[in-house]
Amino acid sequence: MSEIKWPAAEQEGARRGGSFYLGAAVCKRGHVETVDLEPGGPVTVSDACPSCGARMLTACRSCGVRIRGDQFVPGVVSFSTPRRPSFCDGCGAAMPWATRQERIHELENLLDEAEEIDEADLVVIQDHLERLRESSLSERDEKAAWSEVKRRSGDALRSERVSNVLEGLVTAAIRAQLNL
């Protein structure tokens, strides 16, 4: 496992005895092993998930920030287990277990930030992305929607981060047909 980056506020909270988020260990399929890894503490988690055998993750694959676990508040005992996060709270990237709808949200967020996309085009792109959330969309309709997203997004689709998101959303056959 790689080195975990801890947000400065959490390092400070832990150092001063205040509240902060602990780290979590979650497999690539989303099975939670633990939600109580401490900043600077030993990371003792399995390499493979005991439920499915997938690799365990303790940090975001995009930025290396710890996966958010339980919130530590001095003097408070919690009996609830937090849900695994679908997005990194450091960079906003979707976690490997994120659903198709959540990955489309990530793409929308990235395209919203793209300065080269005209506001009117962005509205049309969002409409097409909304259609793409439907699991019953035919391959032909899916290809047409992605084609329109590509046409209206221009150079924004060429960024490495957007390309990585598209790789998890668009089938290999459609990516090849559209040169994505």
C-alpha atoms as a PDB file:
ATOM      1  CA  MET A   1       0.000   0.000   0.000  1.00  0.00           C
ATOM      2  CA  SER A   2       1.178   3.475  -0.803  1.00  0.00           C
ATOM      3  CA  GLU A   3       1.718   6.311   1.644  1.00  0.00           C
ATOM      4  CA  ILE A   4      -1.504   7.961   2.829  1.00  0.00           C
ATOM      5  CA  LYS A   5      -1.794  11.758   2.668  1.00  0.00           C
ATOM      6  CA  TRP A   6      -3.759  13.277   5.525  1.00  0.00           C
ATOM      7  CA  PRO A   7      -5.445  16.671   5.121  1.00  0.00           C
ATOM      8  CA  ALA A   8      -3.688  19.318   7.213  1.00  0.00           C
ATOM      9  CA  ALA A   9      -6.851  20.054   9.234  1.00  0.00           C
ATOM     10  CA  GLU A  10      -7.050  16.419  10.321  1.00  0.00           C
ATOM     11  CA  GLN A  11      -3.389  16.247  11.235  1.00  0.00           C
ATOM     12  CA  GLU A  12      -3.875  19.399  13.297  1.00  0.00           C
ATOM     13  CA  GLY A  13      -7.083  18.088  14.876  1.00  0.00           C
ATOM     14  CA  ALA A  14      -5.367  14.855  15.873  1.00  0.00           C
ATOM     15  CA  ARG A  15      -2.306  16.717  17.205  1.00  0.00           C
ATOM     16  CA  ARG A  16      -4.366  19.138  19.300  1.00  0.00           C
ATOM     17  CA  GLY A  17      -6.859  16.559  20.573  1.00  0.00           C
ATOM     18  CA  GLY A  18      -9.752  17.977  18.535  1.00  0.00           C
ATOM     19  CA  SER A  19     -12.177  16.341  16.143  1.00  0.00           C
ATOM     20  CA  PHE A  20     -11.085  14.973  12.766  1.00  0.00           C
ATOM     21  CA  TYR A  21     -11.893  12.258  10.253  1.00  0.00           C
ATOM     22  CA  LEU A  22     -10.185   8.923  10.562  1.00  0.00           C
ATOM     23  CA  GLY A  23      -9.149   6.961   7.487  1.00  0.00           C
ATOM     24  CA  ALA A  24     -10.894   3.938   6.030  1.00  0.00           C
ATOM     25  CA  ALA A  25      -9.807   0.765   4.285  1.00  0.00           C
ATOM     26  CA  VAL A  26     -12.227  -0.257   1.536  1.00  0.00           C
ATOM     27  CA  CYS A  27     -11.757  -2.802  -1.242  1.00  0.00           C
ATOM     28  CA  LYS A  28     -12.109  -1.863  -4.922  1.00  0.00           C
ATOM     29  CA  ARG A  29     -15.598  -3.416  -4.892  1.00  0.00           C
ATOM     30  CA  GLY A  30     -16.678  -1.283  -1.911  1.00  0.00           C
ATOM     31  CA  HIS A  31     -16.468  -3.692   1.036  1.00  0.00           C
ATOM     32  CA  VAL A  32     -15.421  -1.744   4.154  1.00  0.00           C
ATOM     33  CA  GLU A  33     -12.757  -3.346   6.348  1.00  0.00           C
ATOM     34  CA  THR A  34     -12.229  -0.486   8.795  1.00  0.00           C
ATOM     35  CA  VAL A  35     -13.141   3.163   9.263  1.00  0.00           C
ATOM     36  CA  ASP A  36     -10.780   4.016  12.115  1.00  0.00           C
ATOM     37  CA  LEU A  37      -7.251   4.447  10.742  1.00  0.00           C
ATOM     38  CA  GLU A  38      -5.501   7.234  12.650  1.00  0.00           C
ATOM     39  CA  PRO A  39      -3.296   9.957  11.122  1.00  0.00           C
ATOM     40  CA  GLY A  40       0.315   8.938  11.564  1.00  0.00           C
ATOM     41  CA  GLY A  41      -0.706   5.600  13.061  1.00  0.00           C
ATOM     42  CA  PRO A  42       0.184   2.186  11.686  1.00  0.00           C
ATOM     43  CA  VAL A  43      -1.818   1.006   8.707  1.00  0.00           C
ATOM     44  CA  THR A  44      -2.541  -2.627   9.410  1.00  0.00           C
ATOM     45  CA  VAL A  45      -5.142  -3.810   6.935  1.00  0.00           C
ATOM     46  CA  SER A  46      -5.366  -6.834   4.706  1.00  0.00           C
ATOM     47  CA  ASP A  47      -3.908  -6.616   1.200  1.00  0.00           C
ATOM     48  CA  ALA A  48      -6.957  -8.443  -0.154  1.00  0.00           C
ATOM     49  CA  CYS A  49     -10.597  -8.145   0.807  1.00  0.00           C
ATOM     50  CA  PRO A  50     -11.821 -11.055   2.929  1.00  0.00           C
ATOM     51  CA  SER A  51     -15.274 -10.772   1.260  1.00  0.00           C
ATOM     52  CA  CYS A  52     -14.305 -10.801  -2.430  1.00  0.00           C
ATOM     53  CA  GLY A  53     -10.496 -10.930  -2.758  1.00  0.00           C
ATOM     54  CA  ALA A  54     -10.184  -7.467  -4.361  1.00  0.00           C
ATOM     55  CA  ARG A  55      -7.290  -5.191  -3.454  1.00  0.00           C
ATOM     56  CA  MET A  56      -7.795  -3.040  -0.353  1.00  0.00           C
ATOM     57  CA  LEU A  57      -7.471   0.740  -0.706  1.00  0.00           C
ATOM     58  CA  THR A  58      -6.717   3.273   2.029  1.00  0.00           C
ATOM     59  CA  ALA A  59      -6.227   6.335  -0.169  1.00  0.00           C
ATOM     60  CA  CYS A  60      -7.665   7.978  -3.274  1.00  0.00           C
ATOM     61  CA  ARG A  61      -6.070   6.628  -6.442  1.00  0.00           C
ATOM     62  CA  SER A  62      -6.056  10.136  -7.973  1.00  0.00           C
ATOM     63  CA  CYS A  63      -4.552  12.295  -5.216  1.00  0.00           C
ATOM     64  CA  GLY A  64      -3.444   9.932  -2.436  1.00  0.00           C
ATOM     65  CA  VAL A  65      -5.610  11.506   0.310  1.00  0.00           C
ATOM     66  CA  ARG A  66      -6.901   9.014   2.878  1.00  0.00           C
ATOM     67  CA  ILE A  67     -10.347   7.564   2.257  1.00  0.00           C
ATOM     68  CA  ARG A  68     -12.659   9.286   4.749  1.00  0.00           C
ATOM     69  CA  GLY A  69     -13.689   7.051   7.608  1.00  0.00           C
ATOM     70  CA  ASP A  70     -15.442   7.707  10.904  1.00  0.00           C
ATOM     71  CA  GLN A  71     -15.359  11.125  12.531  1.00  0.00           C
ATOM     72  CA  PHE A  72     -13.415  11.208  15.777  1.00  0.00           C
ATOM     73  CA  VAL A  73     -14.844  13.604  18.363  1.00  0.00           C
ATOM     74  CA  PRO A  74     -13.123  13.593  21.771  1.00  0.00           C
ATOM     75  CA  GLY A  75     -15.423  12.285  24.492  1.00  0.00           C
ATOM     76  CA  VAL A  76     -18.066  10.989  22.069  1.00  0.00           C
ATOM     77  CA  VAL A  77     -18.661   7.325  21.381  1.00  0.00           C
ATOM     78  CA  SER A  78     -20.267   6.565  18.036  1.00  0.00           C
ATOM     79  CA  PHE A  79     -22.260   3.444  17.358  1.00  0.00           C
ATOM     80  CA  SER A  80     -22.998   4.128  13.709  1.00  0.00           C
ATOM     81  CA  THR A  81     -20.749   3.148  10.855  1.00  0.00           C
ATOM     82  CA  PRO A  82     -20.340   5.806   8.179  1.00  0.00           C
ATOM     83  CA  ARG A  83     -21.202   4.881   4.631  1.00  0.00           C
ATOM     84  CA  ARG A  84     -18.249   4.422   2.353  1.00  0.00           C
ATOM     85  CA  PRO A  85     -17.674   7.631   0.427  1.00  0.00           C
ATOM     86  CA  SER A  86     -18.362   7.618  -3.295  1.00  0.00           C
ATOM     87  CA  PHE A  87     -16.016  10.562  -3.884  1.00  0.00           C
ATOM     88  CA  CYS A  88     -12.656  11.669  -2.511  1.00  0.00           C
ATOM     89  CA  ASP A  89     -13.057  14.652  -0.215  1.00  0.00           C
ATOM     90  CA  GLY A  90      -9.603  15.817  -1.299  1.00  0.00           C
ATOM     91  CA  CYS A  91      -9.907  16.033  -5.102  1.00  0.00           C
ATOM     92  CA  GLY A  92     -13.502  15.016  -5.859  1.00  0.00           C
ATOM     93  CA  ALA A  93     -12.577  11.918  -7.881  1.00  0.00           C
ATOM     94  CA  ALA A  94     -15.026   9.014  -7.879  1.00  0.00           C
ATOM     95  CA  MET A  95     -13.950   5.967  -5.930  1.00  0.00           C
ATOM     96  CA  PRO A  96     -13.687   2.629  -7.803  1.00  0.00           C
ATOM     97  CA  TRP A  97     -17.012   1.431  -6.352  1.00  0.00           C
ATOM     98  CA  ALA A  98     -18.913   4.536  -7.527  1.00  0.00           C
ATOM     99  CA  THR A  99     -22.027   3.829  -9.569  1.00  0.00           C
ATOM    100  CA  ARG A 100     -22.534   4.903 -13.173  1.00  0.00           C
ATOM    101  CA  GLN A 101     -24.725   7.774 -11.991  1.00  0.00           C
ATOM    102  CA  GLU A 102     -22.031   8.936  -9.573  1.00  0.00           C
ATOM    103  CA  ARG A 103     -19.377   8.774 -12.301  1.00  0.00           C
ATOM    104  CA  ILE A 104     -21.601  10.907 -14.520  1.00  0.00           C
ATOM    105  CA  HIS A 105     -21.808  13.398 -11.642  1.00  0.00           C
ATOM    106  CA  GLU A 106     -18.000  13.455 -11.579  1.00  0.00           C
ATOM    107  CA  LEU A 107     -17.909  14.134 -15.329  1.00  0.00           C
ATOM    108  CA  GLU A 108     -20.499  16.909 -14.932  1.00  0.00           C
ATOM    109  CA  ASN A 109     -18.390  18.482 -12.192  1.00  0.00           C
ATOM    110  CA  LEU A 110     -15.272  18.410 -14.357  1.00  0.00           C
ATOM    111  CA  LEU A 111     -17.071  19.837 -17.392  1.00  0.00           C
ATOM    112  CA  ASP A 112     -18.703  22.540 -15.226  1.00  0.00           C
ATOM    113  CA  GLU A 113     -15.187  23.728 -14.385  1.00  0.00           C
ATOM    114  CA  ALA A 114     -13.977  23.687 -18.002  1.00  0.00           C
ATOM    115  CA  GLU A 115     -13.638  27.305 -19.085  1.00  0.00           C
ATOM    116  CA  GLU A 116     -13.598  26.496 -22.807  1.00  0.00           C
ATOM    117  CA  ILE A 117     -17.200  25.208 -22.821  1.00  0.00           C
ATOM    118  CA  ASP A 118     -19.862  27.756 -23.690  1.00  0.00           C
ATOM    119  CA  GLU A 119     -22.691  28.048 -21.129  1.00  0.00           C
ATOM    120  CA  ALA A 120     -25.352  27.090 -23.728  1.00  0.00           C
ATOM    121  CA  ASP A 121     -23.316  24.035 -24.754  1.00  0.00           C
ATOM    122  CA  LEU A 122     -22.958  23.078 -21.089  1.00  0.00           C
ATOM    123  CA  VAL A 123     -26.763  22.989 -20.714  1.00  0.00           C
ATOM    124  CA  VAL A 124     -27.050  20.675 -23.742  1.00  0.00           C
ATOM    125  CA  ILE A 125     -24.216  18.493 -22.408  1.00  0.00           C
ATOM    126  CA  GLN A 126     -25.995  18.175 -19.057  1.00  0.00           C
ATOM    127  CA  ASP A 127     -29.204  17.118 -20.845  1.00  0.00           C
ATOM    128  CA  HIS A 128     -27.319  14.389 -22.713  1.00  0.00           C
ATOM    129  CA  LEU A 129     -25.572  13.235 -19.545  1.00  0.00           C
ATOM    130  CA  GLU A 130     -28.970  13.017 -17.859  1.00  0.00           C
ATOM    131  CA  ARG A 131     -30.129  10.715 -20.692  1.00  0.00           C
ATOM    132  CA  LEU A 132     -26.986   8.627 -20.268  1.00  0.00           C
ATOM    133  CA  ARG A 133     -27.960   7.872 -16.662  1.00  0.00           C
ATOM    134  CA  GLU A 134     -30.729   5.627 -18.016  1.00  0.00           C
ATOM    135  CA  SER A 135     -29.663   2.000 -18.017  1.00  0.00           C
ATOM    136  CA  SER A 136     -32.250   1.139 -20.688  1.00  0.00           C
ATOM    137  CA  LEU A 137     -30.669   3.384 -23.345  1.00  0.00           C
ATOM    138  CA  SER A 138     -29.899   1.499 -26.553  1.00  0.00           C
ATOM    139  CA  GLU A 139     -26.300   1.357 -27.765  1.00  0.00           C
ATOM    140  CA  ARG A 140     -27.260   3.509 -30.767  1.00  0.00           C
ATOM    141  CA  ASP A 141     -28.825   6.192 -28.536  1.00  0.00           C
ATOM    142  CA  GLU A 142     -25.894   6.003 -26.124  1.00  0.00           C
ATOM    143  CA  LYS A 143     -23.448   6.519 -29.003  1.00  0.00           C
ATOM    144  CA  ALA A 144     -25.469   9.510 -30.263  1.00  0.00           C
ATOM    145  CA  ALA A 145     -25.526  11.090 -26.803  1.00  0.00           C
ATOM    146  CA  TRP A 146     -21.776  10.613 -26.270  1.00  0.00           C
ATOM    147  CA  SER A 147     -21.135  11.965 -29.765  1.00  0.00           C
ATOM    148  CA  GLU A 148     -23.023  15.156 -28.900  1.00  0.00           C
ATOM    149  CA  VAL A 149     -21.213  15.465 -25.556  1.00  0.00           C
ATOM    150  CA  LYS A 150     -17.910  15.120 -27.409  1.00  0.00           C
ATOM    151  CA  ARG A 151     -18.878  17.667 -30.069  1.00  0.00           C
ATOM    152  CA  ARG A 152     -19.979  20.302 -27.566  1.00  0.00           C
ATOM    153  CA  SER A 153     -17.159  19.704 -25.052  1.00  0.00           C
ATOM    154  CA  GLY A 154     -14.297  20.267 -27.464  1.00  0.00           C
ATOM    155  CA  ASP A 155     -10.847  20.247 -25.887  1.00  0.00           C
ATOM    156  CA  ALA A 156     -12.237  19.732 -22.370  1.00  0.00           C
ATOM    157  CA  LEU A 157     -12.473  15.985 -23.092  1.00  0.00           C
ATOM    158  CA  ARG A 158      -8.738  15.802 -23.747  1.00  0.00           C
ATOM    159  CA  SER A 159      -7.690  16.421 -20.143  1.00  0.00           C
ATOM    160  CA  GLU A 160      -6.248  13.381 -18.402  1.00  0.00           C
ATOM    161  CA  ARG A 161      -8.792  13.484 -15.587  1.00  0.00           C
ATOM    162  CA  VAL A 162     -11.776  13.661 -17.974  1.00  0.00           C
ATOM    163  CA  SER A 163     -10.276  10.877 -20.112  1.00  0.00           C
ATOM    164  CA  ASN A 164      -9.977   8.677 -17.011  1.00  0.00           C
ATOM    165  CA  VAL A 165     -13.623   9.290 -16.133  1.00  0.00           C
ATOM    166  CA  LEU A 166     -14.749   8.544 -19.703  1.00  0.00           C
ATOM    167  CA  GLU A 167     -12.814   5.284 -19.650  1.00  0.00           C
ATOM    168  CA  GLY A 168     -15.019   4.126 -16.780  1.00  0.00           C
ATOM    169  CA  LEU A 169     -18.249   5.303 -18.407  1.00  0.00           C
ATOM    170  CA  VAL A 170     -18.067   4.729 -22.147  1.00  0.00           C
ATOM    171  CA  THR A 171     -17.806   1.210 -23.540  1.00  0.00           C
ATOM    172  CA  ALA A 172     -14.636   0.358 -25.442  1.00  0.00           C
ATOM    173  CA  ALA A 173     -16.608  -0.067 -28.673  1.00  0.00           C
ATOM    174  CA  ILE A 174     -18.180   3.388 -28.471  1.00  0.00           C
ATOM    175  CA  ARG A 175     -14.869   4.990 -27.387  1.00  0.00           C
ATOM    176  CA  ALA A 176     -13.205   3.504 -30.478  1.00  0.00           C
ATOM    177  CA  GLN A 177     -16.002   4.681 -32.798  1.00  0.00           C
ATOM    178  CA  LEU A 178     -15.894   8.221 -31.394  1.00  0.00           C
ATOM    179  CA  ASN A 179     -12.097   8.444 -30.923  1.00  0.00           C
ATOM    180  CA  LEU A 180     -12.453   9.198 -27.211  1.00  0.00           C
END
